Amino acid sequence: MPQLNPSPWFAILLFSWLVFLIVIPPKVAAYTFPNELTAQSTQTPVTEPWNWPWS
C-alpha cells in the first residue's frame, strides 16, 4: 500500500510548510501598511447650527 510509505508525502508536507512559514509572510506583511501614516489635524472644524424651518 503506497499510502503508508511516508517518504514522498513527508517531504511534500515539510516543503509546503516551509513555503508557508518562510516565503509567504514577508509578502503578506508588505501589504499591511503600504502608505505612511499621516497625523490628523488637531484643530476642530467650525460648524454652524442648522436652521430647521419647522421649529
PDB file of N, CA and C in Angstrom:
ATOM      1  N   MET A   1       0.851  -1.182   0.000  1.00  0.00           N
ATOM      2  CA  MET A   1       0.000   0.000   0.000  1.00  0.00           C
ATOM      3  C   MET A   1       0.899   1.248   0.000  1.00  0.00           C
ATOM      4  N   PRO A   2       0.902   2.021  -1.063  1.00  0.00           N
ATOM      5  CA  PRO A   2       1.809   3.169  -1.146  1.00  0.00           C
ATOM      6  C   PRO A   2       1.400   4.328  -0.233  1.00  0.00           C
ATOM      7  N   GLN A   3       0.171   4.323   0.251  1.00  0.00           N
ATOM      8  CA  GLN A   3      -0.244   5.409   1.139  1.00  0.00           C
ATOM      9  C   GLN A   3       0.507   5.371   2.462  1.00  0.00           C
ATOM     10  N   LEU A   4       0.974   4.218   2.850  1.00  0.00           N
ATOM     11  CA  LEU A   4       1.639   4.086   4.136  1.00  0.00           C
ATOM     12  C   LEU A   4       3.125   4.396   4.063  1.00  0.00           C
ATOM     13  N   ASN A   5       3.649   4.618   2.890  1.00  0.00           N
ATOM     14  CA  ASN A   5       5.053   4.967   2.745  1.00  0.00           C
ATOM     15  C   ASN A   5       5.190   6.479   2.967  1.00  0.00           C
ATOM     16  N   PRO A   6       5.792   6.921   4.076  1.00  0.00           N
ATOM     17  CA  PRO A   6       5.801   8.364   4.374  1.00  0.00           C
ATOM     18  C   PRO A   6       6.888   9.158   3.667  1.00  0.00           C
ATOM     19  N   SER A   7       7.769   8.509   2.930  1.00  0.00           N
ATOM     20  CA  SER A   7       8.910   9.255   2.389  1.00  0.00           C
ATOM     21  C   SER A   7       8.506  10.346   1.387  1.00  0.00           C
ATOM     22  N   PRO A   8       7.685  10.107   0.378  1.00  0.00           N
ATOM     23  CA  PRO A   8       7.380  11.235  -0.521  1.00  0.00           C
ATOM     24  C   PRO A   8       6.418  12.238   0.108  1.00  0.00           C
ATOM     25  N   TRP A   9       5.475  11.765   0.884  1.00  0.00           N
ATOM     26  CA  TRP A   9       4.447  12.664   1.429  1.00  0.00           C
ATOM     27  C   TRP A   9       5.005  13.526   2.544  1.00  0.00           C
ATOM     28  N   PHE A  10       5.914  13.001   3.311  1.00  0.00           N
ATOM     29  CA  PHE A  10       6.511  13.804   4.392  1.00  0.00           C
ATOM     30  C   PHE A  10       7.361  14.931   3.824  1.00  0.00           C
ATOM     31  N   ALA A  11       8.079  14.650   2.739  1.00  0.00           N
ATOM     32  CA  ALA A  11       8.892  15.696   2.106  1.00  0.00           C
ATOM     33  C   ALA A  11       8.005  16.791   1.509  1.00  0.00           C
ATOM     34  N   ILE A  12       6.897  16.408   0.892  1.00  0.00           N
ATOM     35  CA  ILE A  12       5.963  17.395   0.343  1.00  0.00           C
ATOM     36  C   ILE A  12       5.351  18.222   1.464  1.00  0.00           C
ATOM     37  N   LEU A  13       4.968  17.589   2.534  1.00  0.00           N
ATOM     38  CA  LEU A  13       4.391  18.298   3.681  1.00  0.00           C
ATOM     39  C   LEU A  13       5.403  19.256   4.281  1.00  0.00           C
ATOM     40  N   LEU A  14       6.621  18.820   4.461  1.00  0.00           N
ATOM     41  CA  LEU A  14       7.658  19.660   5.044  1.00  0.00           C
ATOM     42  C   LEU A  14       7.979  20.853   4.139  1.00  0.00           C
ATOM     43  N   PHE A  15       8.094  20.621   2.849  1.00  0.00           N
ATOM     44  CA  PHE A  15       8.395  21.704   1.925  1.00  0.00           C
ATOM     45  C   PHE A  15       7.255  22.716   1.847  1.00  0.00           C
ATOM     46  N   SER A  16       6.025  22.234   1.859  1.00  0.00           N
ATOM     47  CA  SER A  16       4.894  23.164   1.797  1.00  0.00           C
ATOM     48  C   SER A  16       4.816  24.013   3.061  1.00  0.00           C
ATOM     49  N   TRP A  17       5.111  23.447   4.229  1.00  0.00           N
ATOM     50  CA  TRP A  17       5.121  24.246   5.460  1.00  0.00           C
ATOM     51  C   TRP A  17       6.266  25.236   5.465  1.00  0.00           C
ATOM     52  N   LEU A  18       7.398  24.873   4.902  1.00  0.00           N
ATOM     53  CA  LEU A  18       8.498  25.837   4.800  1.00  0.00           C
ATOM     54  C   LEU A  18       8.106  27.014   3.913  1.00  0.00           C
ATOM     55  N   VAL A  19       7.404  26.738   2.835  1.00  0.00           N
ATOM     56  CA  VAL A  19       6.934  27.818   1.967  1.00  0.00           C
ATOM     57  C   VAL A  19       5.950  28.707   2.727  1.00  0.00           C
ATOM     58  N   PHE A  20       5.014  28.103   3.428  1.00  0.00           N
ATOM     59  CA  PHE A  20       4.011  28.881   4.165  1.00  0.00           C
ATOM     60  C   PHE A  20       4.626  29.703   5.289  1.00  0.00           C
ATOM     61  N   LEU A  21       5.657  29.189   5.935  1.00  0.00           N
ATOM     62  CA  LEU A  21       6.218  29.878   7.087  1.00  0.00           C
ATOM     63  C   LEU A  21       7.362  30.826   6.758  1.00  0.00           C
ATOM     64  N   ILE A  22       8.026  30.652   5.617  1.00  0.00           N
ATOM     65  CA  ILE A  22       9.199  31.476   5.303  1.00  0.00           C
ATOM     66  C   ILE A  22       8.949  32.414   4.129  1.00  0.00           C
ATOM     67  N   VAL A  23       8.333  31.933   3.082  1.00  0.00           N
ATOM     68  CA  VAL A  23       8.203  32.725   1.861  1.00  0.00           C
ATOM     69  C   VAL A  23       6.990  33.645   1.902  1.00  0.00           C
ATOM     70  N   ILE A  24       5.855  33.159   2.342  1.00  0.00           N
ATOM     71  CA  ILE A  24       4.614  33.924   2.232  1.00  0.00           C
ATOM     72  C   ILE A  24       4.489  35.060   3.254  1.00  0.00           C
ATOM     73  N   PRO A  25       4.878  34.934   4.536  1.00  0.00           N
ATOM     74  CA  PRO A  25       4.672  36.047   5.480  1.00  0.00           C
ATOM     75  C   PRO A  25       5.317  37.371   5.083  1.00  0.00           C
ATOM     76  N   PRO A  26       6.537  37.434   4.558  1.00  0.00           N
ATOM     77  CA  PRO A  26       7.045  38.748   4.133  1.00  0.00           C
ATOM     78  C   PRO A  26       6.238  39.357   2.992  1.00  0.00           C
ATOM     79  N   LYS A  27       5.714  38.533   2.104  1.00  0.00           N
ATOM     80  CA  LYS A  27       4.911  39.054   1.005  1.00  0.00           C
ATOM     81  C   LYS A  27       3.594  39.618   1.522  1.00  0.00           C
ATOM     82  N   VAL A  28       3.000  38.970   2.501  1.00  0.00           N
ATOM     83  CA  VAL A  28       1.747  39.467   3.074  1.00  0.00           C
ATOM     84  C   VAL A  28       2.007  40.700   3.923  1.00  0.00           C
ATOM     85  N   ALA A  29       3.092  40.729   4.663  1.00  0.00           N
ATOM     86  CA  ALA A  29       3.399  41.868   5.527  1.00  0.00           C
ATOM     87  C   ALA A  29       3.717  43.120   4.719  1.00  0.00           C
ATOM     88  N   ALA A  30       4.130  42.980   3.489  1.00  0.00           N
ATOM     89  CA  ALA A  30       4.424  44.150   2.653  1.00  0.00           C
ATOM     90  C   ALA A  30       3.150  44.901   2.305  1.00  0.00           C
ATOM     91  N   TYR A  31       2.003  44.242   2.353  1.00  0.00           N
ATOM     92  CA  TYR A  31       0.737  44.888   2.022  1.00  0.00           C
ATOM     93  C   TYR A  31      -0.009  45.388   3.245  1.00  0.00           C
ATOM     94  N   THR A  32       0.551  45.242   4.428  1.00  0.00           N
ATOM     95  CA  THR A  32      -0.163  45.658   5.626  1.00  0.00           C
ATOM     96  C   THR A  32      -0.293  47.171   5.691  1.00  0.00           C
ATOM     97  N   PHE A  33       0.813  47.908   5.588  1.00  0.00           N
ATOM     98  CA  PHE A  33       0.796  49.363   5.613  1.00  0.00           C
ATOM     99  C   PHE A  33       1.577  49.876   4.411  1.00  0.00           C
ATOM    100  N   PRO A  34       0.954  49.919   3.230  1.00  0.00           N
ATOM    101  CA  PRO A  34       1.700  50.354   2.054  1.00  0.00           C
ATOM    102  C   PRO A  34       1.999  51.853   2.057  1.00  0.00           C
ATOM    103  N   ASN A  35       1.227  52.644   2.785  1.00  0.00           N
ATOM    104  CA  ASN A  35       1.434  54.088   2.819  1.00  0.00           C
ATOM    105  C   ASN A  35       1.862  54.516   4.213  1.00  0.00           C
ATOM    106  N   GLU A  36       2.567  55.637   4.274  1.00  0.00           N
ATOM    107  CA  GLU A  36       2.957  56.163   5.575  1.00  0.00           C
ATOM    108  C   GLU A  36       1.746  56.784   6.259  1.00  0.00           C
ATOM    109  N   LEU A  37       1.704  56.664   7.562  1.00  0.00           N
ATOM    110  CA  LEU A  37       0.601  57.236   8.309  1.00  0.00           C
ATOM    111  C   LEU A  37       0.800  58.738   8.450  1.00  0.00           C
ATOM    112  N   THR A  38      -0.274  59.504   8.300  1.00  0.00           N
ATOM    113  CA  THR A  38      -0.193  60.952   8.455  1.00  0.00           C
ATOM    114  C   THR A  38      -0.995  61.344   9.680  1.00  0.00           C
ATOM    115  N   ALA A  39      -0.476  62.315  10.406  1.00  0.00           N
ATOM    116  CA  ALA A  39      -1.173  62.780  11.598  1.00  0.00           C
ATOM    117  C   ALA A  39      -2.366  63.636  11.195  1.00  0.00           C
ATOM    118  N   GLN A  40      -3.470  63.439  11.892  1.00  0.00           N
ATOM    119  CA  GLN A  40      -4.646  64.234  11.603  1.00  0.00           C
ATOM    120  C   GLN A  40      -4.523  65.592  12.268  1.00  0.00           C
ATOM    121  N   SER A  41      -5.265  66.547  11.763  1.00  0.00           N
ATOM    122  CA  SER A  41      -5.228  67.898  12.298  1.00  0.00           C
ATOM    123  C   SER A  41      -5.831  67.913  13.699  1.00  0.00           C
ATOM    124  N   THR A  42      -5.235  68.715  14.584  1.00  0.00           N
ATOM    125  CA  THR A  42      -5.750  68.815  15.954  1.00  0.00           C
ATOM    126  C   THR A  42      -6.782  69.921  16.083  1.00  0.00           C
ATOM    127  N   GLN A  43      -6.981  70.722  15.026  1.00  0.00           N
ATOM    128  CA  GLN A  43      -7.975  71.785  15.077  1.00  0.00           C
ATOM    129  C   GLN A  43      -9.359  71.202  14.851  1.00  0.00           C
ATOM    130  N   THR A  44     -10.315  71.730  15.601  1.00  0.00           N
ATOM    131  CA  THR A  44     -11.688  71.272  15.426  1.00  0.00           C
ATOM    132  C   THR A  44     -12.338  72.102  14.323  1.00  0.00           C
ATOM    133  N   PRO A  45     -13.100  71.484  13.459  1.00  0.00           N
ATOM    134  CA  PRO A  45     -13.720  72.243  12.372  1.00  0.00           C
ATOM    135  C   PRO A  45     -14.822  73.162  12.911  1.00  0.00           C
ATOM    136  N   VAL A  46     -14.980  74.292  12.263  1.00  0.00           N
ATOM    137  CA  VAL A  46     -16.016  75.242  12.655  1.00  0.00           C
ATOM    138  C   VAL A  46     -17.336  74.763  12.072  1.00  0.00           C
ATOM    139  N   THR A  47     -18.294  74.543  12.933  1.00  0.00           N
ATOM    140  CA  THR A  47     -19.603  74.064  12.487  1.00  0.00           C
ATOM    141  C   THR A  47     -20.645  75.123  12.775  1.00  0.00           C
ATOM    142  N   GLU A  48     -21.651  75.171  11.930  1.00  0.00           N
ATOM    143  CA  GLU A  48     -22.758  76.099  12.123  1.00  0.00           C
ATOM    144  C   GLU A  48     -24.008  75.299  12.430  1.00  0.00           C
ATOM    145  N   PRO A  49     -24.855  75.804  13.334  1.00  0.00           N
ATOM    146  CA  PRO A  49     -26.087  75.066  13.632  1.00  0.00           C
ATOM    147  C   PRO A  49     -27.043  75.125  12.431  1.00  0.00           C
ATOM    148  N   TRP A  50     -27.817  74.075  12.296  1.00  0.00           N
ATOM    149  CA  TRP A  50     -28.770  74.018  11.207  1.00  0.00           C
ATOM    150  C   TRP A  50     -29.981  74.873  11.566  1.00  0.00           C
ATOM    151  N   ASN A  51     -30.552  75.486  10.572  1.00  0.00           N
ATOM    152  CA  ASN A  51     -31.756  76.286  10.757  1.00  0.00           C
ATOM    153  C   ASN A  51     -32.931  75.453  10.276  1.00  0.00           C
ATOM    154  N   TRP A  52     -33.636  74.822  11.208  1.00  0.00           N
ATOM    155  CA  TRP A  52     -34.767  73.972  10.846  1.00  0.00           C
ATOM    156  C   TRP A  52     -35.990  74.867  10.616  1.00  0.00           C
ATOM    157  N   PRO A  53     -36.599  74.838   9.444  1.00  0.00           N
ATOM    158  CA  PRO A  53     -37.707  75.741   9.172  1.00  0.00           C
ATOM    159  C   PRO A  53     -38.979  75.399   9.956  1.00  0.00           C
ATOM    160  N   TRP A  54     -39.131  74.176  10.474  1.00  0.00           N
ATOM    161  CA  TRP A  54     -40.367  73.816  11.156  1.00  0.00           C
ATOM    162  C   TRP A  54     -40.288  73.961  12.662  1.00  0.00           C
ATOM    163  N   SER A  55     -39.152  74.438  13.201  1.00  0.00           N
ATOM    164  CA  SER A  55     -39.068  74.567  14.648  1.00  0.00           C
ATOM    165  C   SER A  55     -39.181  75.993  15.086  1.00  0.00           C
TER     166      SER A  55
END
